[in-house]
Amino acid sequence: MNTLITKPRVTVLGARGFVGSHLVAHLTAQGYDCHAPARGAELGREPMGHVIYAIGLTADFRSRPLDTVEAHVCVLRQLIASGNFDSLTYLSSTRVYTGASDTSETAVLRVNPNDPSDLYNISKLMGESLCLHAGLPNIRIARLSNIVGLRPDPDIFIDQLLEEGRRSGKVVLRTALTSKKDYLYIDDAVSLLTRIALSAEHGIFNVASGEAVENGDIARFLERDMGFAVSVLPDAPEWYFAPVDVSKVRTHFGFAPVAFSEYFPRYLSRYKAANSLQASL
């Protein structure tokens, strides 16, 4: 006699966003009972199963401070108050490590309320703290790195470069070629997030590659695969972000993401196809 095994329900909040929409596609393809409530829907009216909280603002947080706090804290507070879920995974950001030398999940972090750029970090950390100290079991935090993948709005550095090159055929870097950041491909991100959300683990997890990618590496791909003319402003400053510590996800989940040099050419091919650039480049 065959027994039908039903996969659990996973509710993605923020399903219309970049990471949220890719999560829905991944979960659906894997056969999960994936629920994606519309924006503004009342939460807690029915069992939500395992919730992945992907609601958030990124590039426009400076011009929308009230919406940023609403997304990162206030809606979260309403969800935790209802408590109608089996587990909750809150998506935060490795941006909270800005200026820190320690990027482990236990690092002591600093923010400055006088700096408007820190509004994002402060609101994310408030959301994290609420999750960790709300007194409910099975709540965890995933701090996401710079995620590379097709998205409607160019809200990370690589996307902004591609948008500039698509318009003019030229890219001008305003930071030095030796500047570096951590980038993670969207396919690896959603796969790891699914495993974290359905695990029995607790606490904070860095969802990153652990690989420092230099602007110079990105520039070479843009020249070779996109045909863009890349230049650097004279005396462009170098910015530095400490490598993100991914030892915890390696230990707990055996995480081994695809290297930037392997996935980035594939991504650029998808980008060209999505933006009808094959014929012109």
C-alpha atoms as a PDB file:
ATOM      1  CA  MET A   1       0.000   0.000   0.000  1.00  0.00           C
ATOM      2  CA  ASN A   2       1.447   3.358  -1.044  1.00  0.00           C
ATOM      3  CA  THR A   3       1.226   6.191   1.450  1.00  0.00           C
ATOM      4  CA  LEU A   4       0.984   9.667  -0.021  1.00  0.00           C
ATOM      5  CA  ILE A   5       3.434  11.997   1.698  1.00  0.00           C
ATOM      6  CA  THR A   6       2.191  15.578   1.732  1.00  0.00           C
ATOM      7  CA  LYS A   7       4.785  18.286   2.048  1.00  0.00           C
ATOM      8  CA  PRO A   8       4.040  20.981   4.649  1.00  0.00           C
ATOM      9  CA  ARG A   9       2.527  24.379   3.969  1.00  0.00           C
ATOM     10  CA  VAL A  10       4.967  27.246   3.539  1.00  0.00           C
ATOM     11  CA  THR A  11       3.637  30.804   3.551  1.00  0.00           C
ATOM     12  CA  VAL A  12       5.752  33.441   1.837  1.00  0.00           C
ATOM     13  CA  LEU A  13       5.048  37.005   2.935  1.00  0.00           C
ATOM     14  CA  GLY A  14       6.364  39.543   0.439  1.00  0.00           C
ATOM     15  CA  ALA A  15       5.832  37.116  -2.438  1.00  0.00           C
ATOM     16  CA  ARG A  16       5.728  39.906  -5.024  1.00  0.00           C
ATOM     17  CA  GLY A  17       9.272  41.015  -4.229  1.00  0.00           C
ATOM     18  CA  PHE A  18      12.503  39.754  -5.767  1.00  0.00           C
ATOM     19  CA  VAL A  19      13.463  37.105  -3.213  1.00  0.00           C
ATOM     20  CA  GLY A  20       9.842  36.316  -2.319  1.00  0.00           C
ATOM     21  CA  SER A  21       8.808  35.594  -5.912  1.00  0.00           C
ATOM     22  CA  HIS A  22      11.802  33.319  -6.446  1.00  0.00           C
ATOM     23  CA  LEU A  23      10.996  31.519  -3.199  1.00  0.00           C
ATOM     24  CA  VAL A  24       7.427  30.891  -4.359  1.00  0.00           C
ATOM     25  CA  ALA A  25       8.673  29.503  -7.675  1.00  0.00           C
ATOM     26  CA  HIS A  26      11.219  27.257  -5.937  1.00  0.00           C
ATOM     27  CA  LEU A  27       8.801  25.956  -3.298  1.00  0.00           C
ATOM     28  CA  THR A  28       6.088  25.287  -5.864  1.00  0.00           C
ATOM     29  CA  ALA A  29       8.536  23.397  -8.097  1.00  0.00           C
ATOM     30  CA  GLN A  30       9.576  21.306  -5.071  1.00  0.00           C
ATOM     31  CA  GLY A  31       5.954  20.315  -4.412  1.00  0.00           C
ATOM     32  CA  TYR A  32       5.334  22.300  -1.232  1.00  0.00           C
ATOM     33  CA  ASP A  33       1.914  23.665  -0.363  1.00  0.00           C
ATOM     34  CA  CYS A  34       3.025  27.237  -1.005  1.00  0.00           C
ATOM     35  CA  HIS A  35       0.736  30.049   0.117  1.00  0.00           C
ATOM     36  CA  ALA A  36       1.389  33.644  -0.950  1.00  0.00           C
ATOM     37  CA  PRO A  37      -1.074  36.087   0.676  1.00  0.00           C
ATOM     38  CA  ALA A  38      -1.733  39.343  -1.132  1.00  0.00           C
ATOM     39  CA  ARG A  39      -0.214  42.534   0.240  1.00  0.00           C
ATOM     40  CA  GLY A  40      -2.351  43.859   3.089  1.00  0.00           C
ATOM     41  CA  ALA A  41      -4.120  40.541   3.697  1.00  0.00           C
ATOM     42  CA  GLU A  42      -5.155  39.860   7.290  1.00  0.00           C
ATOM     43  CA  LEU A  43      -2.636  37.497   8.827  1.00  0.00           C
ATOM     44  CA  GLY A  44      -3.484  34.688  11.185  1.00  0.00           C
ATOM     45  CA  ARG A  45      -7.012  33.921  10.000  1.00  0.00           C
ATOM     46  CA  GLU A  46      -5.899  30.452   8.920  1.00  0.00           C
ATOM     47  CA  PRO A  47      -2.916  28.248   9.789  1.00  0.00           C
ATOM     48  CA  MET A  48       0.133  29.500   7.913  1.00  0.00           C
ATOM     49  CA  GLY A  49       2.477  26.568   8.445  1.00  0.00           C
ATOM     50  CA  HIS A  50       6.111  27.597   8.058  1.00  0.00           C
ATOM     51  CA  VAL A  51       6.311  31.340   7.368  1.00  0.00           C
ATOM     52  CA  ILE A  52       9.130  33.016   5.454  1.00  0.00           C
ATOM     53  CA  TYR A  53       8.975  36.759   6.079  1.00  0.00           C
ATOM     54  CA  ALA A  54      10.332  38.398   2.909  1.00  0.00           C
ATOM     55  CA  ILE A  55       8.595  41.776   3.335  1.00  0.00           C
ATOM     56  CA  GLY A  56      11.043  44.641   3.077  1.00  0.00           C
ATOM     57  CA  LEU A  57      12.326  47.766   1.373  1.00  0.00           C
ATOM     58  CA  THR A  58      15.814  48.110  -0.061  1.00  0.00           C
ATOM     59  CA  ALA A  59      16.956  50.886  -2.377  1.00  0.00           C
ATOM     60  CA  ASP A  60      14.163  53.342  -1.541  1.00  0.00           C
ATOM     61  CA  PHE A  61      14.308  53.110   2.247  1.00  0.00           C
ATOM     62  CA  ARG A  62      15.830  56.597   2.594  1.00  0.00           C
ATOM     63  CA  SER A  63      12.856  58.265   0.911  1.00  0.00           C
ATOM     64  CA  ARG A  64      10.287  56.024   2.633  1.00  0.00           C
ATOM     65  CA  PRO A  65      11.333  55.775   6.301  1.00  0.00           C
ATOM     66  CA  LEU A  66       7.826  55.135   7.653  1.00  0.00           C
ATOM     67  CA  ASP A  67       7.176  52.387   5.097  1.00  0.00           C
ATOM     68  CA  THR A  68      10.550  50.851   5.936  1.00  0.00           C
ATOM     69  CA  VAL A  69       9.718  50.544   9.636  1.00  0.00           C
ATOM     70  CA  GLU A  70       6.212  49.315   8.792  1.00  0.00           C
ATOM     71  CA  ALA A  71       7.653  46.550   6.591  1.00  0.00           C
ATOM     72  CA  HIS A  72      10.543  45.490   8.805  1.00  0.00           C
ATOM     73  CA  VAL A  73       8.895  45.793  12.233  1.00  0.00           C
ATOM     74  CA  CYS A  74       5.196  46.678  12.406  1.00  0.00           C
ATOM     75  CA  VAL A  75       3.749  43.953  10.156  1.00  0.00           C
ATOM     76  CA  LEU A  76       6.114  41.507  11.840  1.00  0.00           C
ATOM     77  CA  ARG A  77       4.740  42.500  15.237  1.00  0.00           C
ATOM     78  CA  GLN A  78       1.188  41.796  14.020  1.00  0.00           C
ATOM     79  CA  LEU A  79       2.230  38.397  12.700  1.00  0.00           C
ATOM     80  CA  ILE A  80       3.971  37.367  15.925  1.00  0.00           C
ATOM     81  CA  ALA A  81       0.954  38.522  17.945  1.00  0.00           C
ATOM     82  CA  SER A  82      -1.337  36.220  15.946  1.00  0.00           C
ATOM     83  CA  GLY A  83       1.039  33.294  16.432  1.00  0.00           C
ATOM     84  CA  ASN A  84      -0.825  31.150  13.884  1.00  0.00           C
ATOM     85  CA  PHE A  85       2.255  29.493  12.388  1.00  0.00           C
ATOM     86  CA  ASP A  86       4.495  26.487  12.993  1.00  0.00           C
ATOM     87  CA  SER A  87       7.725  28.410  12.465  1.00  0.00           C
ATOM     88  CA  LEU A  88       8.892  31.822  11.287  1.00  0.00           C
ATOM     89  CA  THR A  89      12.000  32.714   9.290  1.00  0.00           C
ATOM     90  CA  TYR A  90      12.664  36.465   9.140  1.00  0.00           C
ATOM     91  CA  LEU A  91      14.758  37.712   6.235  1.00  0.00           C
ATOM     92  CA  SER A  92      17.264  40.316   7.352  1.00  0.00           C
ATOM     93  CA  SER A  93      20.454  41.503   5.674  1.00  0.00           C
ATOM     94  CA  THR A  94      24.233  41.185   5.957  1.00  0.00           C
ATOM     95  CA  ARG A  95      24.180  44.953   5.562  1.00  0.00           C
ATOM     96  CA  VAL A  96      23.933  45.048   9.372  1.00  0.00           C
ATOM     97  CA  TYR A  97      27.658  44.166   9.402  1.00  0.00           C
ATOM     98  CA  THR A  98      28.589  47.473   7.753  1.00  0.00           C
ATOM     99  CA  GLY A  99      31.759  48.746   9.422  1.00  0.00           C
ATOM    100  CA  ALA A 100      32.218  45.572  11.462  1.00  0.00           C
ATOM    101  CA  SER A 101      35.304  43.371  11.416  1.00  0.00           C
ATOM    102  CA  ASP A 102      33.415  40.409  12.869  1.00  0.00           C
ATOM    103  CA  THR A 103      30.700  39.041  10.558  1.00  0.00           C
ATOM    104  CA  SER A 104      29.724  35.991  12.571  1.00  0.00           C
ATOM    105  CA  GLU A 105      26.130  35.669  13.701  1.00  0.00           C
ATOM    106  CA  THR A 106      27.143  36.421  17.304  1.00  0.00           C
ATOM    107  CA  ALA A 107      28.970  39.675  16.468  1.00  0.00           C
ATOM    108  CA  VAL A 108      28.226  42.843  18.434  1.00  0.00           C
ATOM    109  CA  LEU A 109      26.959  45.395  15.917  1.00  0.00           C
ATOM    110  CA  ARG A 110      26.990  49.191  15.904  1.00  0.00           C
ATOM    111  CA  VAL A 111      24.495  51.631  14.409  1.00  0.00           C
ATOM    112  CA  ASN A 112      24.225  55.407  14.415  1.00  0.00           C
ATOM    113  CA  PRO A 113      20.728  56.966  14.486  1.00  0.00           C
ATOM    114  CA  ASN A 114      22.271  60.245  13.260  1.00  0.00           C
ATOM    115  CA  ASP A 115      23.195  58.532   9.985  1.00  0.00           C
ATOM    116  CA  PRO A 116      20.173  58.299   7.649  1.00  0.00           C
ATOM    117  CA  SER A 117      21.686  55.233   5.983  1.00  0.00           C
ATOM    118  CA  ASP A 118      21.460  53.372   9.286  1.00  0.00           C
ATOM    119  CA  LEU A 119      17.661  53.527   9.352  1.00  0.00           C
ATOM    120  CA  TYR A 120      17.645  50.314   7.308  1.00  0.00           C
ATOM    121  CA  ASN A 121      20.025  48.513   9.666  1.00  0.00           C
ATOM    122  CA  ILE A 122      18.246  49.747  12.793  1.00  0.00           C
ATOM    123  CA  SER A 123      14.844  48.590  11.539  1.00  0.00           C
ATOM    124  CA  LYS A 124      16.184  45.195  10.488  1.00  0.00           C
ATOM    125  CA  LEU A 125      17.893  44.722  13.845  1.00  0.00           C
ATOM    126  CA  MET A 126      14.683  45.690  15.628  1.00  0.00           C
ATOM    127  CA  GLY A 127      12.882  43.011  13.634  1.00  0.00           C
ATOM    128  CA  GLU A 128      15.586  40.494  14.502  1.00  0.00           C
ATOM    129  CA  SER A 129      15.430  41.339  18.194  1.00  0.00           C
ATOM    130  CA  LEU A 130      11.640  41.040  18.222  1.00  0.00           C
ATOM    131  CA  CYS A 131      11.880  37.596  16.644  1.00  0.00           C
ATOM    132  CA  LEU A 132      14.520  36.392  19.079  1.00  0.00           C
ATOM    133  CA  HIS A 133      12.857  37.706  22.250  1.00  0.00           C
ATOM    134  CA  ALA A 134       9.118  37.409  21.553  1.00  0.00           C
ATOM    135  CA  GLY A 135       8.927  34.240  23.627  1.00  0.00           C
ATOM    136  CA  LEU A 136       7.839  31.972  20.776  1.00  0.00           C
ATOM    137  CA  PRO A 137       9.685  28.815  19.681  1.00  0.00           C
ATOM    138  CA  ASN A 138      10.782  28.013  16.136  1.00  0.00           C
ATOM    139  CA  ILE A 139      11.707  31.546  15.068  1.00  0.00           C
ATOM    140  CA  ARG A 140      14.923  32.158  13.160  1.00  0.00           C
ATOM    141  CA  ILE A 141      16.665  34.921  11.218  1.00  0.00           C
ATOM    142  CA  ALA A 142      18.389  34.709   7.834  1.00  0.00           C
ATOM    143  CA  ARG A 143      20.770  37.568   6.999  1.00  0.00           C
ATOM    144  CA  LEU A 144      20.938  37.780   3.210  1.00  0.00           C
ATOM    145  CA  SER A 145      23.949  38.978   1.253  1.00  0.00           C
ATOM    146  CA  ASN A 146      23.797  40.826  -2.096  1.00  0.00           C
ATOM    147  CA  ILE A 147      21.624  38.466  -4.127  1.00  0.00           C
ATOM    148  CA  VAL A 148      22.274  38.224  -7.865  1.00  0.00           C
ATOM    149  CA  GLY A 149      19.318  37.413 -10.122  1.00  0.00           C
ATOM    150  CA  LEU A 150      16.769  38.873 -12.512  1.00  0.00           C
ATOM    151  CA  ARG A 151      14.694  41.521 -10.775  1.00  0.00           C
ATOM    152  CA  PRO A 152      12.380  44.339 -11.901  1.00  0.00           C
ATOM    153  CA  ASP A 153      14.288  47.120 -10.122  1.00  0.00           C
ATOM    154  CA  PRO A 154      18.079  47.654 -10.166  1.00  0.00           C
ATOM    155  CA  ASP A 155      18.562  47.866  -6.412  1.00  0.00           C
ATOM    156  CA  ILE A 156      21.996  46.277  -5.985  1.00  0.00           C
ATOM    157  CA  PHE A 157      25.359  47.431  -7.332  1.00  0.00           C
ATOM    158  CA  ILE A 158      25.600  44.877 -10.158  1.00  0.00           C
ATOM    159  CA  ASP A 159      22.089  45.630 -11.403  1.00  0.00           C
ATOM    160  CA  GLN A 160      22.836  49.353 -11.425  1.00  0.00           C
ATOM    161  CA  LEU A 161      25.941  48.741 -13.542  1.00  0.00           C
ATOM    162  CA  LEU A 162      23.966  46.606 -15.979  1.00  0.00           C
ATOM    163  CA  GLU A 163      21.231  49.217 -16.249  1.00  0.00           C
ATOM    164  CA  GLU A 164      23.834  51.911 -16.977  1.00  0.00           C
ATOM    165  CA  GLY A 165      25.484  49.735 -19.616  1.00  0.00           C
ATOM    166  CA  ARG A 166      22.169  48.772 -21.202  1.00  0.00           C
ATOM    167  CA  ARG A 167      21.281  52.424 -21.725  1.00  0.00           C
ATOM    168  CA  SER A 168      24.615  53.660 -23.077  1.00  0.00           C
ATOM    169  CA  GLY A 169      26.931  50.737 -23.734  1.00  0.00           C
ATOM    170  CA  LYS A 170      29.287  52.229 -21.159  1.00  0.00           C
ATOM    171  CA  VAL A 171      29.849  51.679 -17.443  1.00  0.00           C
ATOM    172  CA  VAL A 172      31.723  54.118 -15.220  1.00  0.00           C
ATOM    173  CA  LEU A 173      32.834  52.688 -11.882  1.00  0.00           C
ATOM    174  CA  ARG A 174      32.845  55.227  -9.077  1.00  0.00           C
ATOM    175  CA  THR A 175      34.689  52.945  -6.679  1.00  0.00           C
ATOM    176  CA  ALA A 176      38.077  51.294  -7.172  1.00  0.00           C
ATOM    177  CA  LEU A 177      38.544  48.012  -9.030  1.00  0.00           C
ATOM    178  CA  THR A 178      39.908  46.501  -5.809  1.00  0.00           C
ATOM    179  CA  SER A 179      36.669  47.200  -3.919  1.00  0.00           C
ATOM    180  CA  LYS A 180      34.914  43.972  -3.008  1.00  0.00           C
ATOM    181  CA  LYS A 181      31.616  42.588  -1.732  1.00  0.00           C
ATOM    182  CA  ASP A 182      29.932  39.249  -1.127  1.00  0.00           C
ATOM    183  CA  TYR A 183      27.452  38.127  -3.807  1.00  0.00           C
ATOM    184  CA  LEU A 184      25.216  35.049  -3.766  1.00  0.00           C
ATOM    185  CA  TYR A 185      23.223  33.645  -6.697  1.00  0.00           C
ATOM    186  CA  ILE A 186      19.449  33.603  -6.235  1.00  0.00           C
ATOM    187  CA  ASP A 187      19.173  29.851  -6.896  1.00  0.00           C
ATOM    188  CA  ASP A 188      21.552  29.094  -4.015  1.00  0.00           C
ATOM    189  CA  ALA A 189      19.805  31.651  -1.806  1.00  0.00           C
ATOM    190  CA  VAL A 190      16.272  30.227  -2.153  1.00  0.00           C
ATOM    191  CA  SER A 191      17.512  26.659  -1.795  1.00  0.00           C
ATOM    192  CA  LEU A 192      19.282  27.462   1.475  1.00  0.00           C
ATOM    193  CA  LEU A 193      16.399  29.598   2.764  1.00  0.00           C
ATOM    194  CA  THR A 194      14.003  26.698   2.200  1.00  0.00           C
ATOM    195  CA  ARG A 195      16.246  24.346   4.169  1.00  0.00           C
ATOM    196  CA  ILE A 196      16.606  26.857   7.014  1.00  0.00           C
ATOM    197  CA  ALA A 197      12.862  27.542   7.150  1.00  0.00           C
ATOM    198  CA  LEU A 198      11.956  23.851   7.353  1.00  0.00           C
ATOM    199  CA  SER A 199      14.677  22.886   9.806  1.00  0.00           C
ATOM    200  CA  ALA A 200      14.557  22.540  13.573  1.00  0.00           C
ATOM    201  CA  GLU A 201      17.398  25.059  13.926  1.00  0.00           C
ATOM    202  CA  HIS A 202      17.135  28.331  15.848  1.00  0.00           C
ATOM    203  CA  GLY A 203      18.952  31.655  15.886  1.00  0.00           C
ATOM    204  CA  ILE A 204      20.649  33.708  13.167  1.00  0.00           C
ATOM    205  CA  PHE A 205      22.112  32.393   9.911  1.00  0.00           C
ATOM    206  CA  ASN A 206      24.200  34.219   7.316  1.00  0.00           C
ATOM    207  CA  VAL A 207      22.920  33.469   3.817  1.00  0.00           C
ATOM    208  CA  ALA A 208      25.958  34.471   1.785  1.00  0.00           C
ATOM    209  CA  SER A 209      28.709  32.987  -0.359  1.00  0.00           C
ATOM    210  CA  GLY A 210      31.681  33.809   1.863  1.00  0.00           C
ATOM    211  CA  GLU A 211      33.466  34.817  -1.362  1.00  0.00           C
ATOM    212  CA  ALA A 212      34.840  38.343  -1.784  1.00  0.00           C
ATOM    213  CA  VAL A 213      34.270  39.490  -5.380  1.00  0.00           C
ATOM    214  CA  GLU A 214      36.245  42.482  -6.619  1.00  0.00           C
ATOM    215  CA  ASN A 215      34.869  45.205  -8.886  1.00  0.00           C
ATOM    216  CA  GLY A 216      37.646  44.256 -11.286  1.00  0.00           C
ATOM    217  CA  ASP A 217      36.194  40.749 -11.658  1.00  0.00           C
ATOM    218  CA  ILE A 218      32.756  42.193 -12.412  1.00  0.00           C
ATOM    219  CA  ALA A 219      34.247  44.675 -14.900  1.00  0.00           C
ATOM    220  CA  ARG A 220      35.976  41.911 -16.867  1.00  0.00           C
ATOM    221  CA  PHE A 221      32.719  39.977 -17.255  1.00  0.00           C
ATOM    222  CA  LEU A 222      30.844  43.126 -18.325  1.00  0.00           C
ATOM    223  CA  GLU A 223      33.457  43.816 -20.986  1.00  0.00           C
ATOM    224  CA  ARG A 224      33.727  40.227 -22.225  1.00  0.00           C
ATOM    225  CA  ASP A 225      30.130  39.011 -22.039  1.00  0.00           C
ATOM    226  CA  MET A 226      28.137  42.249 -22.391  1.00  0.00           C
ATOM    227  CA  GLY A 227      30.428  44.251 -24.651  1.00  0.00           C
ATOM    228  CA  PHE A 228      30.312  47.269 -22.333  1.00  0.00           C
ATOM    229  CA  ALA A 229      33.147  49.776 -22.241  1.00  0.00           C
ATOM    230  CA  VAL A 230      34.149  49.932 -18.558  1.00  0.00           C
ATOM    231  CA  SER A 231      36.135  52.788 -17.043  1.00  0.00           C
ATOM    232  CA  VAL A 232      36.933  53.956 -13.521  1.00  0.00           C
ATOM    233  CA  LEU A 233      36.730  57.512 -12.208  1.00  0.00           C
ATOM    234  CA  PRO A 234      40.105  59.024 -11.330  1.00  0.00           C
ATOM    235  CA  ASP A 235      40.891  58.647  -7.622  1.00  0.00           C
ATOM    236  CA  ALA A 236      37.837  56.429  -7.156  1.00  0.00           C
ATOM    237  CA  PRO A 237      37.696  55.415  -3.477  1.00  0.00           C
ATOM    238  CA  GLU A 238      38.015  51.819  -2.382  1.00  0.00           C
ATOM    239  CA  TRP A 239      35.259  50.452  -0.190  1.00  0.00           C
ATOM    240  CA  TYR A 240      35.778  47.347   1.839  1.00  0.00           C
ATOM    241  CA  PHE A 241      33.344  44.927   3.422  1.00  0.00           C
ATOM    242  CA  ALA A 242      34.720  42.217   5.660  1.00  0.00           C
ATOM    243  CA  PRO A 243      34.109  38.717   4.221  1.00  0.00           C
ATOM    244  CA  VAL A 244      30.828  37.285   5.482  1.00  0.00           C
ATOM    245  CA  ASP A 245      31.298  34.343   7.836  1.00  0.00           C
ATOM    246  CA  VAL A 246      29.339  31.376   6.441  1.00  0.00           C
ATOM    247  CA  SER A 247      30.831  28.682   8.679  1.00  0.00           C
ATOM    248  CA  LYS A 248      27.509  28.194  10.482  1.00  0.00           C
ATOM    249  CA  VAL A 249      25.471  27.355   7.359  1.00  0.00           C
ATOM    250  CA  ARG A 250      28.314  25.156   6.119  1.00  0.00           C
ATOM    251  CA  THR A 251      28.275  23.217   9.394  1.00  0.00           C
ATOM    252  CA  HIS A 252      24.506  22.973   9.850  1.00  0.00           C
ATOM    253  CA  PHE A 253      23.411  22.591   6.222  1.00  0.00           C
ATOM    254  CA  GLY A 254      26.518  21.574   4.273  1.00  0.00           C
ATOM    255  CA  PHE A 255      26.091  24.741   2.224  1.00  0.00           C
ATOM    256  CA  ALA A 256      28.413  24.938  -0.799  1.00  0.00           C
ATOM    257  CA  PRO A 257      27.263  27.736  -3.154  1.00  0.00           C
ATOM    258  CA  VAL A 258      28.235  27.978  -6.805  1.00  0.00           C
ATOM    259  CA  ALA A 259      31.249  30.232  -7.361  1.00  0.00           C
ATOM    260  CA  PHE A 260      30.737  33.710  -8.816  1.00  0.00           C
ATOM    261  CA  SER A 261      32.933  32.890 -11.828  1.00  0.00           C
ATOM    262  CA  GLU A 262      30.616  29.992 -12.682  1.00  0.00           C
ATOM    263  CA  TYR A 263      27.155  31.488 -12.243  1.00  0.00           C
ATOM    264  CA  PHE A 264      27.767  35.095 -13.303  1.00  0.00           C
ATOM    265  CA  PRO A 265      28.196  34.378 -17.048  1.00  0.00           C
ATOM    266  CA  ARG A 266      24.937  32.382 -16.949  1.00  0.00           C
ATOM    267  CA  TYR A 267      23.211  35.266 -15.231  1.00  0.00           C
ATOM    268  CA  LEU A 268      24.468  37.751 -17.831  1.00  0.00           C
ATOM    269  CA  SER A 269      23.108  35.504 -20.582  1.00  0.00           C
ATOM    270  CA  ARG A 270      19.707  35.479 -18.877  1.00  0.00           C
ATOM    271  CA  TYR A 271      19.880  39.241 -18.418  1.00  0.00           C
ATOM    272  CA  LYS A 272      20.538  39.792 -22.117  1.00  0.00           C
ATOM    273  CA  ALA A 273      17.648  37.539 -23.095  1.00  0.00           C
ATOM    274  CA  ALA A 274      15.273  39.193 -20.618  1.00  0.00           C
ATOM    275  CA  ASN A 275      16.175  42.665 -21.880  1.00  0.00           C
ATOM    276  CA  SER A 276      16.282  41.796 -25.601  1.00  0.00           C
ATOM    277  CA  LEU A 277      19.972  42.619 -25.842  1.00  0.00           C
ATOM    278  CA  GLN A 278      21.142  39.590 -27.799  1.00  0.00           C
ATOM    279  CA  ALA A 279      20.928  41.292 -31.151  1.00  0.00           C
ATOM    280  CA  SER A 280      22.504  44.574 -30.126  1.00  0.00           C
ATOM    281  CA  LEU A 281      25.496  43.299 -28.146  1.00  0.00           C
END
